[in-house]
Amino acid sequence: MQQLNPFDNPEQDCYVVQNPQHQFSLWPSFNAVPSGWQAVFGPQPQSACIAWLNDNWRDIRPTVAATERGEHV
């Protein structure tokens, strides 16, 4: 059966991409990185990308939300 969602395949190579608000996302390596985002890790198997996210992304709020509260991101 064909998998329609690339994230259903744990062997799928992905990038970790970051937007200007310092939020991250997984992005399949077979697609171009979307405008406004940049690749910061990969391409690597999905499990390696998730491990990178767990090690490097401490606050899921956009940078603006944290700085408005006077918190260091």
C-alpha atoms as a PDB file:
ATOM      1  CA  MET A   1       0.000   0.000   0.000  1.00  0.00           C
ATOM      2  CA  GLN A   2       1.331   3.402  -0.971  1.00  0.00           C
ATOM      3  CA  GLN A   3       1.942   5.865   1.850  1.00  0.00           C
ATOM      4  CA  LEU A   4       0.443   9.235   1.006  1.00  0.00           C
ATOM      5  CA  ASN A   5       2.016  11.112   3.909  1.00  0.00           C
ATOM      6  CA  PRO A   6       5.843  11.155   3.815  1.00  0.00           C
ATOM      7  CA  PHE A   7       5.926  11.375   7.618  1.00  0.00           C
ATOM      8  CA  ASP A   8       4.316   7.930   7.843  1.00  0.00           C
ATOM      9  CA  ASN A   9       7.641   6.493   6.663  1.00  0.00           C
ATOM     10  CA  PRO A  10      10.249   6.657   9.462  1.00  0.00           C
ATOM     11  CA  GLU A  11      12.993   6.004   6.881  1.00  0.00           C
ATOM     12  CA  GLN A  12      12.077   9.133   4.903  1.00  0.00           C
ATOM     13  CA  ASP A  13      14.964  11.605   4.735  1.00  0.00           C
ATOM     14  CA  CYS A  14      13.968  15.006   6.072  1.00  0.00           C
ATOM     15  CA  TYR A  15      15.347  18.404   6.822  1.00  0.00           C
ATOM     16  CA  VAL A  16      14.795  20.363   9.989  1.00  0.00           C
ATOM     17  CA  VAL A  17      13.804  23.817   8.772  1.00  0.00           C
ATOM     18  CA  GLN A  18      13.558  27.055  10.734  1.00  0.00           C
ATOM     19  CA  ASN A  19      11.500  30.179  10.149  1.00  0.00           C
ATOM     20  CA  PRO A  20      12.420  33.778  11.100  1.00  0.00           C
ATOM     21  CA  GLN A  21      10.549  33.367  14.434  1.00  0.00           C
ATOM     22  CA  HIS A  22      12.945  30.512  15.340  1.00  0.00           C
ATOM     23  CA  GLN A  23      10.285  27.836  15.073  1.00  0.00           C
ATOM     24  CA  PHE A  24      11.231  24.496  13.527  1.00  0.00           C
ATOM     25  CA  SER A  25       9.516  21.947  11.334  1.00  0.00           C
ATOM     26  CA  LEU A  26      10.323  18.669   9.627  1.00  0.00           C
ATOM     27  CA  TRP A  27      10.382  18.918   5.855  1.00  0.00           C
ATOM     28  CA  PRO A  28      10.683  15.988   3.426  1.00  0.00           C
ATOM     29  CA  SER A  29      13.958  16.119   1.495  1.00  0.00           C
ATOM     30  CA  PHE A  30      12.272  15.516  -1.863  1.00  0.00           C
ATOM     31  CA  ASN A  31      10.518  18.914  -1.656  1.00  0.00           C
ATOM     32  CA  ALA A  32      12.163  22.317  -1.958  1.00  0.00           C
ATOM     33  CA  VAL A  33      12.465  24.191   1.327  1.00  0.00           C
ATOM     34  CA  PRO A  34       9.593  26.711   1.431  1.00  0.00           C
ATOM     35  CA  SER A  35      10.219  30.412   1.081  1.00  0.00           C
ATOM     36  CA  GLY A  36      10.954  32.059   4.417  1.00  0.00           C
ATOM     37  CA  TRP A  37      12.393  28.885   5.938  1.00  0.00           C
ATOM     38  CA  GLN A  38      15.967  27.614   5.951  1.00  0.00           C
ATOM     39  CA  ALA A  39      17.366  24.132   6.437  1.00  0.00           C
ATOM     40  CA  VAL A  40      19.343  23.885   9.689  1.00  0.00           C
ATOM     41  CA  PHE A  41      19.839  20.099   9.803  1.00  0.00           C
ATOM     42  CA  GLY A  42      19.699  17.261   7.323  1.00  0.00           C
ATOM     43  CA  PRO A  43      18.917  15.648   5.133  1.00  0.00           C
ATOM     44  CA  GLN A  44      18.838  12.763   7.583  1.00  0.00           C
ATOM     45  CA  PRO A  45      16.359  10.004   8.430  1.00  0.00           C
ATOM     46  CA  GLN A  46      13.280  11.236  10.240  1.00  0.00           C
ATOM     47  CA  SER A  47      14.440   9.724  13.542  1.00  0.00           C
ATOM     48  CA  ALA A  48      17.706  11.709  13.442  1.00  0.00           C
ATOM     49  CA  CYS A  49      15.779  14.907  12.698  1.00  0.00           C
ATOM     50  CA  ILE A  50      13.418  14.284  15.611  1.00  0.00           C
ATOM     51  CA  ALA A  51      16.408  13.651  17.887  1.00  0.00           C
ATOM     52  CA  TRP A  52      17.939  16.952  16.710  1.00  0.00           C
ATOM     53  CA  LEU A  53      14.683  18.762  17.477  1.00  0.00           C
ATOM     54  CA  ASN A  54      14.515  17.206  20.951  1.00  0.00           C
ATOM     55  CA  ASP A  55      18.077  18.358  21.661  1.00  0.00           C
ATOM     56  CA  ASN A  56      17.803  21.865  20.195  1.00  0.00           C
ATOM     57  CA  TRP A  57      14.252  23.228  20.383  1.00  0.00           C
ATOM     58  CA  ARG A  58      13.423  24.201  23.941  1.00  0.00           C
ATOM     59  CA  ASP A  59      10.552  26.668  23.477  1.00  0.00           C
ATOM     60  CA  ILE A  60       7.875  26.132  20.831  1.00  0.00           C
ATOM     61  CA  ARG A  61       6.594  29.691  21.066  1.00  0.00           C
ATOM     62  CA  PRO A  62       7.679  32.149  18.365  1.00  0.00           C
ATOM     63  CA  THR A  63      10.601  34.348  19.429  1.00  0.00           C
ATOM     64  CA  VAL A  64       8.305  37.386  19.534  1.00  0.00           C
ATOM     65  CA  ALA A  65       5.982  35.756  22.115  1.00  0.00           C
ATOM     66  CA  ALA A  66       8.846  34.938  24.465  1.00  0.00           C
ATOM     67  CA  THR A  67      10.585  38.311  24.144  1.00  0.00           C
ATOM     68  CA  GLU A  68       7.339  40.210  24.763  1.00  0.00           C
ATOM     69  CA  ARG A  69       7.207  38.465  28.143  1.00  0.00           C
ATOM     70  CA  GLY A  70      10.830  39.361  28.835  1.00  0.00           C
ATOM     71  CA  GLU A  71      12.027  35.780  28.588  1.00  0.00           C
ATOM     72  CA  HIS A  72      15.277  34.685  26.976  1.00  0.00           C
ATOM     73  CA  VAL A  73      14.779  32.257  24.107  1.00  0.00           C
END
